[in-house]
Amino acid sequence: EFLHRFGYIKTNDSSLEIAPPAVKAFQRFIGLNQTGIIDELTWQKMREPRCGNKDLRR
């Protein structure tokens, strides 16, 4: 849901094929190491309050 809401994937489908590239894009956007894996730091950043605007425009 997070990856869809903020523009990292077009659909709310978080399948294993879609998720890693989308997670890497989020990690790149916030300046984390791009692993494609939702580790503890990535999870913390996903849970921080946000403005609600999409990060990426597609």
PDB file of N, CA and C in Angstrom:
ATOM      1  N   GLU A   1       0.825  -1.193   0.000  1.00  0.00           N
ATOM      2  CA  GLU A   1       0.000   0.000   0.000  1.00  0.00           C
ATOM      3  C   GLU A   1       0.870   1.258   0.000  1.00  0.00           C
ATOM      4  N   PHE A   2       1.905   1.315   0.832  1.00  0.00           N
ATOM      5  CA  PHE A   2       2.787   2.482   0.904  1.00  0.00           C
ATOM      6  C   PHE A   2       3.411   2.777  -0.457  1.00  0.00           C
ATOM      7  N   LEU A   3       3.952   1.745  -1.099  1.00  0.00           N
ATOM      8  CA  LEU A   3       4.636   1.933  -2.380  1.00  0.00           C
ATOM      9  C   LEU A   3       3.681   2.451  -3.449  1.00  0.00           C
ATOM     10  N   HIS A   4       2.437   2.030  -3.394  1.00  0.00           N
ATOM     11  CA  HIS A   4       1.428   2.520  -4.332  1.00  0.00           C
ATOM     12  C   HIS A   4       1.033   3.954  -3.991  1.00  0.00           C
ATOM     13  N   ARG A   5       0.761   4.219  -2.739  1.00  0.00           N
ATOM     14  CA  ARG A   5       0.285   5.536  -2.306  1.00  0.00           C
ATOM     15  C   ARG A   5       1.269   6.652  -2.666  1.00  0.00           C
ATOM     16  N   PHE A   6       2.560   6.372  -2.589  1.00  0.00           N
ATOM     17  CA  PHE A   6       3.551   7.410  -2.839  1.00  0.00           C
ATOM     18  C   PHE A   6       4.201   7.323  -4.218  1.00  0.00           C
ATOM     19  N   GLY A   7       3.593   6.547  -5.123  1.00  0.00           N
ATOM     20  CA  GLY A   7       3.966   6.589  -6.529  1.00  0.00           C
ATOM     21  C   GLY A   7       5.079   5.660  -6.984  1.00  0.00           C
ATOM     22  N   TYR A   8       5.453   4.692  -6.168  1.00  0.00           N
ATOM     23  CA  TYR A   8       6.546   3.790  -6.550  1.00  0.00           C
ATOM     24  C   TYR A   8       6.074   2.628  -7.413  1.00  0.00           C
ATOM     25  N   ILE A   9       4.805   2.280  -7.318  1.00  0.00           N
ATOM     26  CA  ILE A   9       4.198   1.296  -8.216  1.00  0.00           C
ATOM     27  C   ILE A   9       2.842   1.837  -8.644  1.00  0.00           C
ATOM     28  N   LYS A  10       2.386   1.428  -9.824  1.00  0.00           N
ATOM     29  CA  LYS A  10       1.136   1.955 -10.368  1.00  0.00           C
ATOM     30  C   LYS A  10      -0.098   1.315  -9.751  1.00  0.00           C
ATOM     31  N   THR A  11       0.006   0.070  -9.363  1.00  0.00           N
ATOM     32  CA  THR A  11      -1.134  -0.626  -8.779  1.00  0.00           C
ATOM     33  C   THR A  11      -0.818  -0.954  -7.332  1.00  0.00           C
ATOM     34  N   ASN A  12      -1.801  -1.430  -6.614  1.00  0.00           N
ATOM     35  CA  ASN A  12      -1.592  -1.808  -5.220  1.00  0.00           C
ATOM     36  C   ASN A  12      -1.083  -3.248  -5.130  1.00  0.00           C
ATOM     37  N   ASP A  13      -0.458  -3.727  -6.194  1.00  0.00           N
ATOM     38  CA  ASP A  13       0.089  -5.082  -6.253  1.00  0.00           C
ATOM     39  C   ASP A  13       1.515  -5.058  -5.726  1.00  0.00           C
ATOM     40  N   SER A  14       1.764  -5.704  -4.603  1.00  0.00           N
ATOM     41  CA  SER A  14       3.113  -5.715  -4.030  1.00  0.00           C
ATOM     42  C   SER A  14       3.750  -7.089  -4.231  1.00  0.00           C
ATOM     43  N   SER A  15       3.565  -7.651  -5.426  1.00  0.00           N
ATOM     44  CA  SER A  15       4.125  -8.972  -5.704  1.00  0.00           C
ATOM     45  C   SER A  15       5.643  -8.935  -5.588  1.00  0.00           C
ATOM     46  N   LEU A  16       6.231 -10.095  -5.455  1.00  0.00           N
ATOM     47  CA  LEU A  16       7.677 -10.183  -5.279  1.00  0.00           C
ATOM     48  C   LEU A  16       8.443  -9.616  -6.469  1.00  0.00           C
ATOM     49  N   GLU A  17       7.846  -9.625  -7.662  1.00  0.00           N
ATOM     50  CA  GLU A  17       8.527  -9.100  -8.841  1.00  0.00           C
ATOM     51  C   GLU A  17       8.509  -7.578  -8.877  1.00  0.00           C
ATOM     52  N   ILE A  18       7.456  -6.974  -8.383  1.00  0.00           N
ATOM     53  CA  ILE A  18       7.307  -5.521  -8.416  1.00  0.00           C
ATOM     54  C   ILE A  18       7.993  -4.864  -7.224  1.00  0.00           C
ATOM     55  N   ALA A  19       7.909  -5.459  -6.073  1.00  0.00           N
ATOM     56  CA  ALA A  19       8.341  -4.811  -4.837  1.00  0.00           C
ATOM     57  C   ALA A  19       9.819  -4.429  -4.787  1.00  0.00           C
ATOM     58  N   PRO A  20      10.781  -5.309  -5.092  1.00  0.00           N
ATOM     59  CA  PRO A  20      12.181  -4.895  -4.933  1.00  0.00           C
ATOM     60  C   PRO A  20      12.580  -3.641  -5.723  1.00  0.00           C
ATOM     61  N   PRO A  21      12.218  -3.496  -7.007  1.00  0.00           N
ATOM     62  CA  PRO A  21      12.574  -2.251  -7.703  1.00  0.00           C
ATOM     63  C   PRO A  21      11.898  -1.025  -7.081  1.00  0.00           C
ATOM     64  N   ALA A  22      10.671  -1.190  -6.624  1.00  0.00           N
ATOM     65  CA  ALA A  22       9.964  -0.078  -5.995  1.00  0.00           C
ATOM     66  C   ALA A  22      10.608   0.292  -4.666  1.00  0.00           C
ATOM     67  N   VAL A  23      11.016  -0.693  -3.899  1.00  0.00           N
ATOM     68  CA  VAL A  23      11.694  -0.438  -2.626  1.00  0.00           C
ATOM     69  C   VAL A  23      13.021   0.263  -2.889  1.00  0.00           C
ATOM     70  N   LYS A  24      13.752  -0.168  -3.909  1.00  0.00           N
ATOM     71  CA  LYS A  24      15.018   0.490  -4.258  1.00  0.00           C
ATOM     72  C   LYS A  24      14.788   1.954  -4.628  1.00  0.00           C
ATOM     73  N   ALA A  25      13.733   2.229  -5.369  1.00  0.00           N
ATOM     74  CA  ALA A  25      13.427   3.612  -5.750  1.00  0.00           C
ATOM     75  C   ALA A  25      13.144   4.454  -4.509  1.00  0.00           C
ATOM     76  N   PHE A  26      12.393   3.914  -3.559  1.00  0.00           N
ATOM     77  CA  PHE A  26      12.124   4.629  -2.310  1.00  0.00           C
ATOM     78  C   PHE A  26      13.423   4.857  -1.548  1.00  0.00           C
ATOM     79  N   GLN A  27      14.237   3.831  -1.438  1.00  0.00           N
ATOM     80  CA  GLN A  27      15.506   3.960  -0.721  1.00  0.00           C
ATOM     81  C   GLN A  27      16.394   5.023  -1.380  1.00  0.00           C
ATOM     82  N   ARG A  28      16.434   5.053  -2.692  1.00  0.00           N
ATOM     83  CA  ARG A  28      17.218   6.061  -3.414  1.00  0.00           C
ATOM     84  C   ARG A  28      16.675   7.457  -3.114  1.00  0.00           C
ATOM     85  N   PHE A  29      15.352   7.610  -3.126  1.00  0.00           N
ATOM     86  CA  PHE A  29      14.710   8.905  -2.897  1.00  0.00           C
ATOM     87  C   PHE A  29      15.063   9.478  -1.527  1.00  0.00           C
ATOM     88  N   ILE A  30      15.141   8.610  -0.513  1.00  0.00           N
ATOM     89  CA  ILE A  30      15.418   9.118   0.836  1.00  0.00           C
ATOM     90  C   ILE A  30      16.881   8.992   1.232  1.00  0.00           C
ATOM     91  N   GLY A  31      17.722   8.510   0.322  1.00  0.00           N
ATOM     92  CA  GLY A  31      19.155   8.484   0.567  1.00  0.00           C
ATOM     93  C   GLY A  31      19.676   7.284   1.335  1.00  0.00           C
ATOM     94  N   LEU A  32      18.951   6.170   1.277  1.00  0.00           N
ATOM     95  CA  LEU A  32      19.417   4.945   1.929  1.00  0.00           C
ATOM     96  C   LEU A  32      20.159   4.064   0.931  1.00  0.00           C
ATOM     97  N   ASN A  33      20.905   3.098   1.448  1.00  0.00           N
ATOM     98  CA  ASN A  33      21.535   2.084   0.614  1.00  0.00           C
ATOM     99  C   ASN A  33      20.436   1.326  -0.132  1.00  0.00           C
ATOM    100  N   GLN A  34      20.566   1.184  -1.433  1.00  0.00           N
ATOM    101  CA  GLN A  34      19.524   0.587  -2.270  1.00  0.00           C
ATOM    102  C   GLN A  34      19.663  -0.926  -2.344  1.00  0.00           C
ATOM    103  N   THR A  35      18.983  -1.613  -1.445  1.00  0.00           N
ATOM    104  CA  THR A  35      19.038  -3.071  -1.405  1.00  0.00           C
ATOM    105  C   THR A  35      17.803  -3.721  -2.018  1.00  0.00           C
ATOM    106  N   GLY A  36      16.691  -3.001  -2.045  1.00  0.00           N
ATOM    107  CA  GLY A  36      15.434  -3.584  -2.499  1.00  0.00           C
ATOM    108  C   GLY A  36      14.753  -4.406  -1.428  1.00  0.00           C
ATOM    109  N   ILE A  37      15.336  -4.416  -0.240  1.00  0.00           N
ATOM    110  CA  ILE A  37      14.795  -5.171   0.894  1.00  0.00           C
ATOM    111  C   ILE A  37      14.315  -4.187   1.954  1.00  0.00           C
ATOM    112  N   ILE A  38      13.144  -4.442   2.497  1.00  0.00           N
ATOM    113  CA  ILE A  38      12.630  -3.572   3.554  1.00  0.00           C
ATOM    114  C   ILE A  38      13.269  -3.991   4.870  1.00  0.00           C
ATOM    115  N   ASP A  39      14.412  -3.376   5.158  1.00  0.00           N
ATOM    116  CA  ASP A  39      15.106  -3.641   6.419  1.00  0.00           C
ATOM    117  C   ASP A  39      14.558  -2.700   7.502  1.00  0.00           C
ATOM    118  N   GLU A  40      15.137  -2.737   8.681  1.00  0.00           N
ATOM    119  CA  GLU A  40      14.621  -1.946   9.805  1.00  0.00           C
ATOM    120  C   GLU A  40      14.628  -0.447   9.506  1.00  0.00           C
ATOM    121  N   LEU A  41      15.711   0.078   8.944  1.00  0.00           N
ATOM    122  CA  LEU A  41      15.786   1.509   8.660  1.00  0.00           C
ATOM    123  C   LEU A  41      14.784   1.922   7.583  1.00  0.00           C
ATOM    124  N   THR A  42      14.649   1.103   6.538  1.00  0.00           N
ATOM    125  CA  THR A  42      13.663   1.394   5.494  1.00  0.00           C
ATOM    126  C   THR A  42      12.263   1.390   6.087  1.00  0.00           C
ATOM    127  N   TRP A  43      11.962   0.408   6.927  1.00  0.00           N
ATOM    128  CA  TRP A  43      10.647   0.313   7.564  1.00  0.00           C
ATOM    129  C   TRP A  43      10.386   1.545   8.426  1.00  0.00           C
ATOM    130  N   GLN A  44      11.406   2.005   9.166  1.00  0.00           N
ATOM    131  CA  GLN A  44      11.256   3.211   9.990  1.00  0.00           C
ATOM    132  C   GLN A  44      10.901   4.408   9.117  1.00  0.00           C
ATOM    133  N   LYS A  45      11.600   4.565   8.002  1.00  0.00           N
ATOM    134  CA  LYS A  45      11.344   5.696   7.103  1.00  0.00           C
ATOM    135  C   LYS A  45       9.948   5.615   6.493  1.00  0.00           C
ATOM    136  N   MET A  46       9.484   4.406   6.200  1.00  0.00           N
ATOM    137  CA  MET A  46       8.139   4.240   5.649  1.00  0.00           C
ATOM    138  C   MET A  46       7.070   4.609   6.673  1.00  0.00           C
ATOM    139  N   ARG A  47       7.385   4.478   7.938  1.00  0.00           N
ATOM    140  CA  ARG A  47       6.405   4.740   8.992  1.00  0.00           C
ATOM    141  C   ARG A  47       6.407   6.194   9.471  1.00  0.00           C
ATOM    142  N   GLU A  48       7.372   7.003   9.027  1.00  0.00           N
ATOM    143  CA  GLU A  48       7.425   8.402   9.442  1.00  0.00           C
ATOM    144  C   GLU A  48       6.244   9.168   8.852  1.00  0.00           C
ATOM    145  N   PRO A  49       5.749  10.174   9.590  1.00  0.00           N
ATOM    146  CA  PRO A  49       4.661  11.002   9.056  1.00  0.00           C
ATOM    147  C   PRO A  49       5.091  11.666   7.746  1.00  0.00           C
ATOM    148  N   ARG A  50       4.162  11.736   6.811  1.00  0.00           N
ATOM    149  CA  ARG A  50       4.448  12.307   5.496  1.00  0.00           C
ATOM    150  C   ARG A  50       3.344  13.269   5.103  1.00  0.00           C
ATOM    151  N   CYS A  51       3.613  14.089   4.106  1.00  0.00           N
ATOM    152  CA  CYS A  51       2.638  15.081   3.650  1.00  0.00           C
ATOM    153  C   CYS A  51       1.495  14.452   2.863  1.00  0.00           C
ATOM    154  N   GLY A  52       1.689  13.259   2.343  1.00  0.00           N
ATOM    155  CA  GLY A  52       0.644  12.599   1.569  1.00  0.00           C
ATOM    156  C   GLY A  52       0.814  12.750   0.067  1.00  0.00           C
ATOM    157  N   ASN A  53       1.705  13.646  -0.373  1.00  0.00           N
ATOM    158  CA  ASN A  53       1.969  13.795  -1.802  1.00  0.00           C
ATOM    159  C   ASN A  53       2.845  12.655  -2.296  1.00  0.00           C
ATOM    160  N   LYS A  54       2.664  12.284  -3.559  1.00  0.00           N
ATOM    161  CA  LYS A  54       3.494  11.234  -4.147  1.00  0.00           C
ATOM    162  C   LYS A  54       4.923  11.728  -4.288  1.00  0.00           C
ATOM    163  N   ASP A  55       5.873  10.839  -4.068  1.00  0.00           N
ATOM    164  CA  ASP A  55       7.285  11.165  -4.246  1.00  0.00           C
ATOM    165  C   ASP A  55       7.649  11.162  -5.724  1.00  0.00           C
ATOM    166  N   LEU A  56       7.050  10.244  -6.475  1.00  0.00           N
ATOM    167  CA  LEU A  56       7.372  10.064  -7.888  1.00  0.00           C
ATOM    168  C   LEU A  56       6.152  10.347  -8.740  1.00  0.00           C
ATOM    169  N   ARG A  57       6.364  10.997  -9.845  1.00  0.00           N
ATOM    170  CA  ARG A  57       5.292  11.240 -10.815  1.00  0.00           C
ATOM    171  C   ARG A  57       5.510  10.297 -11.980  1.00  0.00           C
ATOM    172  N   ARG A  58       4.503   9.515 -12.314  1.00  0.00           N
ATOM    173  CA  ARG A  58       4.634   8.564 -13.434  1.00  0.00           C
ATOM    174  C   ARG A  58       3.649   8.899 -14.510  1.00  0.00           C
TER     175      ARG A  58
END
